[in-house]
Amino acid sequence: MDGLDTGTIILMTTPLIVLQLVLMVMNLVSWSRKKKTKYLNKTLWFAIILLGNLAGNIIYMVIESEKNDSDKD
């Protein structure tokens, strides 16, 4: 068994990388439009979105989602 070659690894990881980049852009746009976030300050969310990889972006989407706002102004 030779293992995986570089081409196969790239093909397998490309969808995850694209998903991560799309979520990151969506979350940064959402983050930039908010005046105030619910649970953490904006600087911490910025770091989580950029450095948290896929998990950080999903956490931001779940916690800071507009759909979860029950007390909109």
N, C-alpha and C. Protein backbone atom coordinates (compact mmCIF):
# COMPACT_ATOMS: atom_id res chain seq x y z
N MET A 1 0.84 -1.18 0.00
CA MET A 1 0.00 0.00 0.00
C MET A 1 0.89 1.24 0.00
N ASP A 2 0.75 2.04 -1.02
CA ASP A 2 1.62 3.20 -1.21
C ASP A 2 1.16 4.44 -0.45
N GLY A 3 -0.10 4.52 -0.06
CA GLY A 3 -0.60 5.72 0.60
C GLY A 3 -1.19 6.68 -0.41
N LEU A 4 -1.48 7.85 0.05
CA LEU A 4 -2.09 8.86 -0.80
C LEU A 4 -1.03 9.74 -1.42
N ASP A 5 -1.22 10.05 -2.69
CA ASP A 5 -0.30 10.98 -3.34
C ASP A 5 -0.80 12.41 -3.14
N THR A 6 0.01 13.36 -3.50
CA THR A 6 -0.30 14.77 -3.28
C THR A 6 -1.56 15.20 -4.01
N GLY A 7 -1.74 14.75 -5.22
CA GLY A 7 -2.92 15.12 -6.00
C GLY A 7 -4.20 14.67 -5.35
N THR A 8 -4.21 13.47 -4.80
CA THR A 8 -5.39 12.95 -4.12
C THR A 8 -5.70 13.75 -2.87
N ILE A 9 -4.67 14.09 -2.12
CA ILE A 9 -4.86 14.88 -0.90
C ILE A 9 -5.43 16.25 -1.23
N ILE A 10 -4.94 16.88 -2.27
CA ILE A 10 -5.44 18.19 -2.69
C ILE A 10 -6.90 18.09 -3.10
N LEU A 11 -7.25 17.07 -3.87
CA LEU A 11 -8.64 16.89 -4.29
C LEU A 11 -9.57 16.63 -3.12
N MET A 12 -9.08 15.95 -2.10
CA MET A 12 -9.92 15.65 -0.94
C MET A 12 -10.10 16.85 -0.02
N THR A 13 -9.13 17.72 0.06
CA THR A 13 -9.21 18.85 0.99
C THR A 13 -9.76 20.13 0.35
N THR A 14 -9.79 20.22 -0.95
CA THR A 14 -10.26 21.43 -1.62
C THR A 14 -11.67 21.83 -1.22
N PRO A 15 -12.65 20.91 -1.17
CA PRO A 15 -14.00 21.34 -0.77
C PRO A 15 -14.04 21.93 0.64
N LEU A 16 -13.28 21.39 1.58
CA LEU A 16 -13.26 21.94 2.93
C LEU A 16 -12.62 23.33 2.97
N ILE A 17 -11.58 23.51 2.20
CA ILE A 17 -10.91 24.82 2.15
C ILE A 17 -11.84 25.86 1.54
N VAL A 18 -12.53 25.49 0.48
CA VAL A 18 -13.48 26.42 -0.16
C VAL A 18 -14.62 26.75 0.80
N LEU A 19 -15.16 25.75 1.49
CA LEU A 19 -16.22 25.97 2.46
C LEU A 19 -15.76 26.91 3.56
N GLN A 20 -14.56 26.70 4.06
CA GLN A 20 -14.02 27.55 5.11
C GLN A 20 -13.89 29.00 4.62
N LEU A 21 -13.38 29.20 3.43
CA LEU A 21 -13.21 30.55 2.90
C LEU A 21 -14.54 31.24 2.68
N VAL A 22 -15.53 30.50 2.16
CA VAL A 22 -16.86 31.08 1.94
C VAL A 22 -17.49 31.49 3.27
N LEU A 23 -17.43 30.61 4.26
CA LEU A 23 -17.99 30.94 5.57
C LEU A 23 -17.25 32.12 6.20
N MET A 24 -15.94 32.17 6.02
CA MET A 24 -15.16 33.27 6.59
C MET A 24 -15.58 34.60 5.99
N VAL A 25 -15.75 34.65 4.69
CA VAL A 25 -16.15 35.89 4.03
C VAL A 25 -17.56 36.29 4.48
N MET A 26 -18.48 35.31 4.51
CA MET A 26 -19.85 35.60 4.95
C MET A 26 -19.87 36.13 6.38
N ASN A 27 -19.11 35.50 7.26
CA ASN A 27 -19.08 35.92 8.66
C ASN A 27 -18.41 37.27 8.84
N LEU A 28 -17.37 37.54 8.08
CA LEU A 28 -16.72 38.85 8.19
C LEU A 28 -17.64 39.97 7.70
N VAL A 29 -18.41 39.69 6.67
CA VAL A 29 -19.38 40.69 6.21
C VAL A 29 -20.44 40.92 7.28
N SER A 30 -20.97 39.84 7.85
CA SER A 30 -21.96 39.95 8.91
C SER A 30 -21.37 40.68 10.12
N TRP A 31 -20.16 40.32 10.50
CA TRP A 31 -19.47 40.94 11.63
C TRP A 31 -19.29 42.44 11.41
N SER A 32 -18.90 42.82 10.20
CA SER A 32 -18.63 44.24 9.92
C SER A 32 -19.90 45.08 9.93
N ARG A 33 -21.04 44.48 9.66
CA ARG A 33 -22.30 45.22 9.64
C ARG A 33 -22.91 45.40 11.02
N LYS A 34 -22.47 44.60 11.98
CA LYS A 34 -23.03 44.69 13.33
C LYS A 34 -22.38 45.85 14.08
N LYS A 35 -23.20 46.59 14.81
CA LYS A 35 -22.67 47.64 15.67
C LYS A 35 -22.18 47.03 16.98
N LYS A 36 -22.87 45.99 17.42
CA LYS A 36 -22.54 45.36 18.69
C LYS A 36 -22.88 43.87 18.59
N THR A 37 -22.05 43.04 19.20
CA THR A 37 -22.32 41.60 19.22
C THR A 37 -22.90 41.21 20.57
N LYS A 38 -23.52 40.03 20.62
CA LYS A 38 -24.25 39.63 21.83
C LYS A 38 -23.35 39.14 22.95
N TYR A 39 -22.39 38.29 22.67
CA TYR A 39 -21.69 37.59 23.73
C TYR A 39 -20.23 38.01 23.93
N LEU A 40 -19.51 38.25 22.89
CA LEU A 40 -18.11 38.69 22.99
C LEU A 40 -17.96 40.03 22.29
N ASN A 41 -16.87 40.72 22.57
CA ASN A 41 -16.68 41.97 21.86
C ASN A 41 -16.26 41.70 20.41
N LYS A 42 -16.36 42.71 19.58
CA LYS A 42 -16.12 42.52 18.15
C LYS A 42 -14.69 42.09 17.84
N THR A 43 -13.73 42.56 18.62
CA THR A 43 -12.33 42.19 18.37
C THR A 43 -12.12 40.69 18.57
N LEU A 44 -12.70 40.13 19.62
CA LEU A 44 -12.57 38.69 19.86
C LEU A 44 -13.25 37.89 18.76
N TRP A 45 -14.44 38.33 18.33
CA TRP A 45 -15.11 37.61 17.24
C TRP A 45 -14.28 37.67 15.95
N PHE A 46 -13.66 38.80 15.70
CA PHE A 46 -12.80 38.92 14.51
C PHE A 46 -11.69 37.88 14.55
N ALA A 47 -11.05 37.74 15.70
CA ALA A 47 -9.98 36.75 15.85
C ALA A 47 -10.51 35.33 15.70
N ILE A 48 -11.68 35.06 16.27
CA ILE A 48 -12.26 33.72 16.17
C ILE A 48 -12.61 33.39 14.73
N ILE A 49 -13.17 34.34 14.01
CA ILE A 49 -13.53 34.11 12.61
C ILE A 49 -12.29 33.84 11.78
N LEU A 50 -11.24 34.64 11.99
CA LEU A 50 -10.03 34.47 11.17
C LEU A 50 -9.18 33.27 11.58
N LEU A 51 -9.06 33.02 12.87
CA LEU A 51 -8.14 32.00 13.34
C LEU A 51 -8.82 30.69 13.75
N GLY A 52 -10.13 30.70 13.86
CA GLY A 52 -10.86 29.54 14.34
C GLY A 52 -11.14 28.49 13.29
N ASN A 53 -10.66 28.72 12.09
CA ASN A 53 -10.90 27.79 10.99
C ASN A 53 -12.39 27.52 10.83
N LEU A 54 -12.73 26.33 10.43
CA LEU A 54 -14.13 25.99 10.16
C LEU A 54 -14.97 26.02 11.43
N ALA A 55 -14.45 25.52 12.53
CA ALA A 55 -15.19 25.48 13.79
C ALA A 55 -15.51 26.88 14.30
N GLY A 56 -14.56 27.79 14.23
CA GLY A 56 -14.78 29.16 14.68
C GLY A 56 -15.86 29.86 13.88
N ASN A 57 -15.88 29.60 12.58
CA ASN A 57 -16.90 30.21 11.73
C ASN A 57 -18.28 29.65 12.01
N ILE A 58 -18.36 28.35 12.25
CA ILE A 58 -19.65 27.74 12.57
C ILE A 58 -20.15 28.24 13.92
N ILE A 59 -19.25 28.35 14.89
CA ILE A 59 -19.64 28.87 16.21
C ILE A 59 -20.17 30.29 16.09
N TYR A 60 -19.50 31.13 15.32
CA TYR A 60 -19.98 32.50 15.13
C TYR A 60 -21.38 32.50 14.51
N MET A 61 -21.57 31.66 13.49
CA MET A 61 -22.87 31.62 12.82
C MET A 61 -23.98 31.19 13.77
N VAL A 62 -23.71 30.23 14.62
CA VAL A 62 -24.73 29.72 15.53
C VAL A 62 -25.02 30.74 16.63
N ILE A 63 -23.99 31.29 17.23
CA ILE A 63 -24.17 32.17 18.39
C ILE A 63 -24.65 33.56 18.00
N GLU A 64 -24.08 34.13 16.96
CA GLU A 64 -24.38 35.52 16.60
C GLU A 64 -25.36 35.64 15.43
N SER A 65 -26.07 34.58 15.13
CA SER A 65 -27.00 34.58 14.01
C SER A 65 -28.11 35.60 14.22
N GLU A 66 -28.50 36.27 13.14
CA GLU A 66 -29.59 37.24 13.19
C GLU A 66 -30.91 36.55 13.52
N LYS A 67 -31.07 35.31 13.13
CA LYS A 67 -32.31 34.58 13.39
C LYS A 67 -32.53 34.33 14.87
N ASN A 68 -31.45 34.32 15.65
CA ASN A 68 -31.56 34.08 17.08
C ASN A 68 -31.85 35.34 17.87
N ASP A 69 -31.92 36.49 17.22
CA ASP A 69 -32.15 37.76 17.91
C ASP A 69 -33.65 37.86 18.28
N SER A 70 -33.95 37.72 19.55
CA SER A 70 -35.34 37.84 19.98
C SER A 70 -35.67 39.26 20.41
N ASP A 71 -34.64 40.08 20.65
CA ASP A 71 -34.86 41.45 21.10
C ASP A 71 -34.30 42.46 20.11
N LYS A 72 -34.79 42.40 18.88
CA LYS A 72 -34.31 43.34 17.86
C LYS A 72 -34.85 44.73 18.15
N ASP A 73 -34.05 45.72 17.80
CA ASP A 73 -34.47 47.11 18.02
C ASP A 73 -35.33 47.57 16.88
